Amino acid sequence: MPVKNLGIDLSTRGNSDIIDITSQVAEQVEQSDLSNGIATIFCQSSTSGLTTIEYESGCVSDLRRLFDEIVDPQRHYEHNARWGDGNGHSHVRAALLGASITIPFVENRLTLGTWQQIIFVDFDNRPRQRSLVLQLIGE
């Protein structure tokens, strides 16, 4: 099966910046010469993650609040004590969310649900330039 290795570059604001990357992934799938297969998106970062959500302001706000509640940035983190960079909570949040997501595509179209978008979340405590790996496997 053919494999295509592509990428997506992002500029983030940090601090749980949530970016809808659905159109960028869909465009690369549509432009590929693969009709059916899987798209895997991977973030090369230990302070960011990927998932799907209905990308509207209420859900986005709820997701940010949830991460503040379960991984409070004001708690003590051994990572901060060791490195002094203040992003210990960012690493824990990223570990909970996960670094990759895989979505099937059929006839050059992602098989996402009507209200489902792919989001990248940058948990780091400062703006970043991020590069995502997009790998398409199919026929």
N, C-alpha and C. Protein backbone atom coordinates (compact mmCIF):
# COMPACT_ATOMS: atom_id res chain seq x y z
N MET A 1 0.83 -1.18 0.00
CA MET A 1 0.00 0.00 0.00
C MET A 1 0.87 1.24 0.00
N PRO A 2 0.54 2.20 -0.83
CA PRO A 2 1.32 3.45 -0.86
C PRO A 2 1.17 4.26 0.44
N VAL A 3 2.24 4.96 0.76
CA VAL A 3 2.28 5.82 1.94
C VAL A 3 2.72 7.21 1.50
N LYS A 4 2.00 8.24 1.93
CA LYS A 4 2.35 9.63 1.66
C LYS A 4 2.68 10.30 2.98
N ASN A 5 3.84 10.94 3.07
CA ASN A 5 4.24 11.67 4.26
C ASN A 5 4.14 13.16 3.98
N LEU A 6 3.27 13.83 4.69
CA LEU A 6 3.00 15.25 4.49
C LEU A 6 3.11 15.97 5.82
N GLY A 7 2.85 17.25 5.82
CA GLY A 7 2.93 18.00 7.07
C GLY A 7 1.98 19.17 7.12
N ILE A 8 1.78 19.67 8.32
CA ILE A 8 0.97 20.86 8.56
C ILE A 8 1.75 21.72 9.55
N ASP A 9 1.97 22.98 9.21
CA ASP A 9 2.67 23.90 10.09
C ASP A 9 1.66 24.86 10.72
N LEU A 10 1.85 25.13 12.01
CA LEU A 10 0.93 25.98 12.76
C LEU A 10 1.70 26.98 13.62
N SER A 11 1.11 28.15 13.79
CA SER A 11 1.56 29.12 14.78
C SER A 11 0.51 29.16 15.87
N THR A 12 0.92 28.97 17.12
CA THR A 12 -0.05 28.91 18.21
C THR A 12 0.18 30.03 19.22
N ARG A 13 -0.83 30.25 20.03
CA ARG A 13 -0.72 31.22 21.11
C ARG A 13 -0.35 30.56 22.43
N GLY A 14 -0.34 29.22 22.47
CA GLY A 14 -0.09 28.50 23.71
C GLY A 14 -1.28 28.61 24.65
N ASN A 15 -1.10 28.14 25.90
CA ASN A 15 -2.12 28.26 26.94
C ASN A 15 -3.47 27.67 26.50
N SER A 16 -3.44 26.42 26.05
CA SER A 16 -4.63 25.69 25.59
C SER A 16 -5.27 26.32 24.36
N ASP A 17 -4.43 26.82 23.47
CA ASP A 17 -4.90 27.32 22.18
C ASP A 17 -5.45 26.13 21.39
N ILE A 18 -6.68 26.23 20.92
CA ILE A 18 -7.35 25.15 20.20
C ILE A 18 -7.55 25.59 18.76
N ILE A 19 -6.98 24.81 17.84
CA ILE A 19 -7.01 25.16 16.42
C ILE A 19 -7.70 24.05 15.63
N ASP A 20 -8.68 24.44 14.83
CA ASP A 20 -9.38 23.51 13.94
C ASP A 20 -8.49 23.27 12.72
N ILE A 21 -8.03 22.03 12.55
CA ILE A 21 -7.15 21.71 11.41
C ILE A 21 -7.87 20.83 10.38
N THR A 22 -9.17 20.70 10.51
CA THR A 22 -9.94 19.82 9.62
C THR A 22 -9.73 20.15 8.15
N SER A 23 -9.84 21.42 7.80
CA SER A 23 -9.74 21.79 6.38
C SER A 23 -8.35 21.51 5.82
N GLN A 24 -7.32 21.71 6.63
CA GLN A 24 -5.96 21.44 6.15
C GLN A 24 -5.75 19.94 5.89
N VAL A 25 -6.26 19.10 6.79
CA VAL A 25 -6.14 17.66 6.60
C VAL A 25 -6.98 17.22 5.41
N ALA A 26 -8.22 17.69 5.34
CA ALA A 26 -9.13 17.30 4.25
C ALA A 26 -8.55 17.70 2.89
N GLU A 27 -7.97 18.88 2.81
CA GLU A 27 -7.39 19.35 1.55
C GLU A 27 -6.25 18.43 1.09
N GLN A 28 -5.40 18.03 2.02
CA GLN A 28 -4.28 17.16 1.64
C GLN A 28 -4.77 15.77 1.25
N VAL A 29 -5.82 15.28 1.91
CA VAL A 29 -6.40 13.99 1.52
C VAL A 29 -7.01 14.10 0.12
N GLU A 30 -7.77 15.16 -0.13
CA GLU A 30 -8.41 15.34 -1.43
C GLU A 30 -7.40 15.48 -2.56
N GLN A 31 -6.26 16.12 -2.29
CA GLN A 31 -5.25 16.34 -3.32
C GLN A 31 -4.32 15.15 -3.51
N SER A 32 -4.38 14.18 -2.63
CA SER A 32 -3.52 13.01 -2.76
C SER A 32 -4.06 12.13 -3.89
N ASP A 33 -3.23 11.23 -4.36
CA ASP A 33 -3.70 10.29 -5.38
C ASP A 33 -4.20 9.00 -4.75
N LEU A 34 -4.56 9.08 -3.46
CA LEU A 34 -5.11 7.94 -2.75
C LEU A 34 -6.62 8.15 -2.59
N SER A 35 -7.40 7.13 -2.89
CA SER A 35 -8.86 7.25 -2.79
C SER A 35 -9.39 6.79 -1.44
N ASN A 36 -8.85 5.68 -0.95
CA ASN A 36 -9.35 5.07 0.28
C ASN A 36 -8.18 4.68 1.17
N GLY A 37 -8.33 4.95 2.46
CA GLY A 37 -7.26 4.58 3.38
C GLY A 37 -7.44 5.23 4.73
N ILE A 38 -6.32 5.52 5.39
CA ILE A 38 -6.35 6.17 6.69
C ILE A 38 -5.39 7.35 6.70
N ALA A 39 -5.80 8.37 7.43
CA ALA A 39 -4.97 9.55 7.65
C ALA A 39 -4.60 9.56 9.13
N THR A 40 -3.32 9.58 9.41
CA THR A 40 -2.85 9.68 10.79
C THR A 40 -2.16 11.03 10.95
N ILE A 41 -2.57 11.77 11.96
CA ILE A 41 -1.95 13.05 12.27
C ILE A 41 -1.23 12.87 13.60
N PHE A 42 0.02 13.33 13.65
CA PHE A 42 0.85 13.16 14.83
C PHE A 42 1.53 14.48 15.17
N CYS A 43 1.49 14.87 16.44
CA CYS A 43 2.19 16.09 16.85
C CYS A 43 3.51 15.71 17.51
N GLN A 44 4.55 16.35 17.04
CA GLN A 44 5.91 16.09 17.53
C GLN A 44 6.20 17.02 18.70
N SER A 45 5.43 16.86 19.74
CA SER A 45 5.54 17.75 20.89
C SER A 45 5.04 17.02 22.12
N SER A 46 5.66 17.28 23.25
CA SER A 46 5.19 16.67 24.50
C SER A 46 4.28 17.61 25.28
N THR A 47 3.90 18.74 24.66
CA THR A 47 3.00 19.68 25.33
C THR A 47 1.80 20.04 24.45
N SER A 48 1.43 19.15 23.52
CA SER A 48 0.26 19.39 22.68
C SER A 48 -0.40 18.06 22.35
N GLY A 49 -1.63 18.14 21.83
CA GLY A 49 -2.35 16.92 21.51
C GLY A 49 -3.39 17.13 20.43
N LEU A 50 -4.05 16.04 20.06
CA LEU A 50 -5.04 16.04 18.99
C LEU A 50 -6.28 15.25 19.40
N THR A 51 -7.43 15.69 18.94
CA THR A 51 -8.68 14.96 19.14
C THR A 51 -9.71 15.51 18.17
N THR A 52 -10.96 15.04 18.30
CA THR A 52 -12.06 15.62 17.54
C THR A 52 -13.05 16.22 18.53
N ILE A 53 -13.79 17.21 18.05
CA ILE A 53 -14.82 17.87 18.86
C ILE A 53 -15.72 18.63 17.89
N GLU A 54 -16.89 19.03 18.35
CA GLU A 54 -17.67 20.00 17.58
C GLU A 54 -17.00 21.35 17.84
N TYR A 55 -16.40 21.90 16.80
CA TYR A 55 -15.61 23.12 16.96
C TYR A 55 -16.53 24.34 16.94
N GLU A 56 -17.11 24.61 18.09
CA GLU A 56 -17.91 25.82 18.27
C GLU A 56 -17.53 26.39 19.62
N SER A 57 -17.79 27.67 19.82
CA SER A 57 -17.24 28.37 20.98
C SER A 57 -17.62 27.74 22.31
N GLY A 58 -18.83 27.21 22.44
CA GLY A 58 -19.23 26.57 23.70
C GLY A 58 -18.42 25.34 24.01
N CYS A 59 -18.28 24.44 23.03
CA CYS A 59 -17.48 23.21 23.24
C CYS A 59 -16.02 23.54 23.48
N VAL A 60 -15.50 24.50 22.74
CA VAL A 60 -14.09 24.89 22.91
C VAL A 60 -13.87 25.43 24.33
N SER A 61 -14.78 26.27 24.79
CA SER A 61 -14.68 26.82 26.15
C SER A 61 -14.80 25.71 27.20
N ASP A 62 -15.74 24.79 26.98
CA ASP A 62 -15.92 23.68 27.92
C ASP A 62 -14.67 22.81 28.01
N LEU A 63 -14.03 22.55 26.87
CA LEU A 63 -12.82 21.73 26.86
C LEU A 63 -11.69 22.42 27.63
N ARG A 64 -11.51 23.71 27.38
CA ARG A 64 -10.47 24.46 28.12
C ARG A 64 -10.74 24.41 29.63
N ARG A 65 -12.00 24.63 30.02
CA ARG A 65 -12.35 24.62 31.44
C ARG A 65 -12.10 23.24 32.06
N LEU A 66 -12.44 22.20 31.32
CA LEU A 66 -12.22 20.84 31.81
C LEU A 66 -10.74 20.61 32.11
N PHE A 67 -9.87 21.00 31.19
CA PHE A 67 -8.44 20.81 31.44
C PHE A 67 -7.95 21.64 32.63
N ASP A 68 -8.49 22.85 32.81
CA ASP A 68 -8.13 23.64 33.99
C ASP A 68 -8.57 22.95 35.27
N GLU A 69 -9.73 22.29 35.23
CA GLU A 69 -10.25 21.62 36.42
C GLU A 69 -9.48 20.35 36.76
N ILE A 70 -9.13 19.55 35.76
CA ILE A 70 -8.49 18.26 36.07
C ILE A 70 -6.97 18.36 36.14
N VAL A 71 -6.38 19.36 35.48
CA VAL A 71 -4.93 19.55 35.55
C VAL A 71 -4.68 21.04 35.77
N ASP A 72 -4.82 21.45 37.03
CA ASP A 72 -4.71 22.85 37.43
C ASP A 72 -3.28 23.36 37.22
N PRO A 73 -3.12 24.43 36.45
CA PRO A 73 -1.77 24.95 36.22
C PRO A 73 -1.10 25.51 37.47
N GLN A 74 -1.89 25.79 38.53
CA GLN A 74 -1.33 26.37 39.75
C GLN A 74 -0.79 25.33 40.73
N ARG A 75 -1.03 24.05 40.47
CA ARG A 75 -0.52 22.99 41.36
C ARG A 75 1.00 22.93 41.28
N HIS A 76 1.57 22.21 42.22
CA HIS A 76 3.01 21.95 42.19
C HIS A 76 3.27 20.81 41.21
N TYR A 77 4.24 21.01 40.33
CA TYR A 77 4.67 19.97 39.38
C TYR A 77 6.17 19.78 39.52
N GLU A 78 6.58 18.55 39.70
CA GLU A 78 8.00 18.24 39.84
C GLU A 78 8.79 18.69 38.61
N HIS A 79 8.17 18.62 37.45
CA HIS A 79 8.83 19.09 36.22
C HIS A 79 9.23 20.56 36.36
N ASN A 80 8.33 21.38 36.89
CA ASN A 80 8.64 22.80 37.08
C ASN A 80 9.77 22.99 38.09
N ALA A 81 9.75 22.18 39.15
CA ALA A 81 10.79 22.29 40.17
C ALA A 81 12.15 21.94 39.57
N ARG A 82 12.17 20.97 38.67
CA ARG A 82 13.44 20.55 38.07
C ARG A 82 13.92 21.52 36.99
N TRP A 83 13.01 21.95 36.11
CA TRP A 83 13.41 22.73 34.93
C TRP A 83 13.08 24.21 35.03
N GLY A 84 12.15 24.60 35.90
CA GLY A 84 11.82 26.01 36.08
C GLY A 84 11.13 26.66 34.90
N ASP A 85 10.52 25.86 34.02
CA ASP A 85 9.90 26.45 32.84
C ASP A 85 8.39 26.65 32.97
N GLY A 86 7.80 26.22 34.08
CA GLY A 86 6.41 26.49 34.35
C GLY A 86 5.40 25.75 33.50
N ASN A 87 5.84 24.74 32.74
CA ASN A 87 4.88 24.05 31.87
C ASN A 87 4.64 22.59 32.26
N GLY A 88 4.83 22.27 33.52
CA GLY A 88 4.57 20.90 33.98
C GLY A 88 3.15 20.46 33.69
N HIS A 89 2.20 21.36 33.90
CA HIS A 89 0.80 21.04 33.61
C HIS A 89 0.59 20.76 32.12
N SER A 90 1.35 21.42 31.27
CA SER A 90 1.22 21.24 29.82
C SER A 90 1.58 19.81 29.41
N HIS A 91 2.61 19.27 30.00
CA HIS A 91 3.02 17.90 29.72
C HIS A 91 1.96 16.89 30.17
N VAL A 92 1.39 17.11 31.35
CA VAL A 92 0.37 16.20 31.88
C VAL A 92 -0.89 16.25 31.01
N ARG A 93 -1.31 17.45 30.63
CA ARG A 93 -2.49 17.59 29.77
C ARG A 93 -2.29 16.90 28.43
N ALA A 94 -1.12 17.09 27.84
CA ALA A 94 -0.83 16.47 26.55
C ALA A 94 -0.85 14.95 26.65
N ALA A 95 -0.32 14.43 27.75
CA ALA A 95 -0.32 12.98 27.94
C ALA A 95 -1.74 12.43 28.03
N LEU A 96 -2.63 13.18 28.64
CA LEU A 96 -4.03 12.74 28.75
C LEU A 96 -4.75 12.79 27.40
N LEU A 97 -4.48 13.81 26.61
CA LEU A 97 -5.17 13.95 25.32
C LEU A 97 -4.61 12.99 24.27
N GLY A 98 -3.30 12.89 24.17
CA GLY A 98 -2.68 12.00 23.19
C GLY A 98 -2.06 12.76 22.03
N ALA A 99 -1.03 12.17 21.45
CA ALA A 99 -0.23 12.84 20.42
C ALA A 99 -0.66 12.54 18.99
N SER A 100 -1.63 11.64 18.80
CA SER A 100 -2.02 11.32 17.42
C SER A 100 -3.49 10.94 17.34
N ILE A 101 -3.98 10.99 16.10
CA ILE A 101 -5.35 10.59 15.81
C ILE A 101 -5.36 10.00 14.40
N THR A 102 -6.17 8.98 14.18
CA THR A 102 -6.28 8.33 12.88
C THR A 102 -7.73 8.39 12.42
N ILE A 103 -7.92 8.82 11.17
CA ILE A 103 -9.26 8.96 10.60
C ILE A 103 -9.29 8.28 9.24
N PRO A 104 -10.23 7.39 9.00
CA PRO A 104 -10.35 6.78 7.67
C PRO A 104 -10.81 7.81 6.63
N PHE A 105 -10.43 7.57 5.38
CA PHE A 105 -10.99 8.37 4.28
C PHE A 105 -11.48 7.43 3.19
N VAL A 106 -12.57 7.84 2.55
CA VAL A 106 -13.22 7.05 1.50
C VAL A 106 -13.50 7.99 0.34
N GLU A 107 -13.08 7.59 -0.85
CA GLU A 107 -13.24 8.40 -2.06
C GLU A 107 -12.70 9.82 -1.84
N ASN A 108 -11.51 9.90 -1.32
CA ASN A 108 -10.78 11.15 -1.07
C ASN A 108 -11.43 12.08 -0.05
N ARG A 109 -12.31 11.57 0.80
CA ARG A 109 -12.98 12.41 1.79
C ARG A 109 -12.85 11.78 3.18
N LEU A 110 -12.52 12.62 4.15
CA LEU A 110 -12.47 12.16 5.53
C LEU A 110 -13.85 11.68 5.96
N THR A 111 -13.90 10.66 6.77
CA THR A 111 -15.19 10.08 7.20
C THR A 111 -15.66 10.67 8.53
N LEU A 112 -15.43 11.94 8.74
CA LEU A 112 -15.85 12.62 9.96
C LEU A 112 -17.37 12.78 9.99
N GLY A 113 -17.92 12.80 11.19
CA GLY A 113 -19.34 13.06 11.35
C GLY A 113 -19.67 14.51 11.06
N THR A 114 -20.95 14.80 10.93
CA THR A 114 -21.42 16.14 10.56
C THR A 114 -20.87 17.23 11.47
N TRP A 115 -20.85 16.99 12.77
CA TRP A 115 -20.43 18.01 13.74
C TRP A 115 -19.06 17.70 14.34
N GLN A 116 -18.25 16.98 13.62
CA GLN A 116 -16.96 16.52 14.14
C GLN A 116 -15.82 17.19 13.37
N GLN A 117 -14.98 17.90 14.09
CA GLN A 117 -13.80 18.52 13.50
C GLN A 117 -12.54 18.02 14.21
N ILE A 118 -11.43 18.07 13.50
CA ILE A 118 -10.14 17.67 14.07
C ILE A 118 -9.52 18.91 14.70
N ILE A 119 -9.11 18.79 15.95
CA ILE A 119 -8.48 19.93 16.61
C ILE A 119 -7.10 19.58 17.13
N PHE A 120 -6.23 20.58 17.08
CA PHE A 120 -4.90 20.55 17.68
C PHE A 120 -4.97 21.46 18.89
N VAL A 121 -4.48 20.99 20.05
CA VAL A 121 -4.48 21.79 21.27
C VAL A 121 -3.04 21.98 21.73
N ASP A 122 -2.61 23.23 21.82
CA ASP A 122 -1.27 23.54 22.32
C ASP A 122 -1.39 23.95 23.78
N PHE A 123 -0.94 23.08 24.65
CA PHE A 123 -1.03 23.31 26.10
C PHE A 123 0.15 24.09 26.66
N ASP A 124 1.20 24.30 25.87
CA ASP A 124 2.39 24.96 26.41
C ASP A 124 2.03 26.35 26.93
N ASN A 125 2.89 26.91 27.75
CA ASN A 125 2.60 28.18 28.40
C ASN A 125 3.11 29.39 27.62
N ARG A 126 3.40 29.19 26.34
CA ARG A 126 3.84 30.30 25.50
C ARG A 126 3.55 29.97 24.03
N PRO A 127 3.54 30.99 23.16
CA PRO A 127 3.32 30.74 21.73
C PRO A 127 4.42 29.83 21.15
N ARG A 128 4.03 29.07 20.15
CA ARG A 128 4.96 28.12 19.53
C ARG A 128 4.72 28.02 18.04
N GLN A 129 5.75 27.57 17.34
CA GLN A 129 5.63 27.13 15.95
C GLN A 129 5.59 25.62 16.02
N ARG A 130 4.55 25.02 15.49
CA ARG A 130 4.37 23.57 15.57
C ARG A 130 4.32 22.97 14.17
N SER A 131 4.88 21.78 14.05
CA SER A 131 4.81 21.01 12.81
C SER A 131 4.16 19.67 13.12
N LEU A 132 3.08 19.39 12.40
CA LEU A 132 2.40 18.11 12.55
C LEU A 132 2.77 17.20 11.39
N VAL A 133 2.87 15.93 11.68
CA VAL A 133 3.11 14.92 10.64
C VAL A 133 1.75 14.39 10.20
N LEU A 134 1.51 14.40 8.91
CA LEU A 134 0.30 13.80 8.34
C LEU A 134 0.74 12.66 7.45
N GLN A 135 0.36 11.46 7.81
CA GLN A 135 0.72 10.28 7.01
C GLN A 135 -0.56 9.66 6.47
N LEU A 136 -0.59 9.51 5.14
CA LEU A 136 -1.73 8.89 4.46
C LEU A 136 -1.29 7.50 3.98
N ILE A 137 -2.10 6.51 4.30
CA ILE A 137 -1.84 5.14 3.86
C ILE A 137 -3.09 4.66 3.15
N GLY A 138 -2.95 4.21 1.93
CA GLY A 138 -4.15 3.78 1.22
C GLY A 138 -3.88 3.33 -0.20
N GLU A 139 -4.95 3.35 -0.97
CA GLU A 139 -4.87 2.94 -2.37
C GLU A 139 -5.67 3.86 -3.24
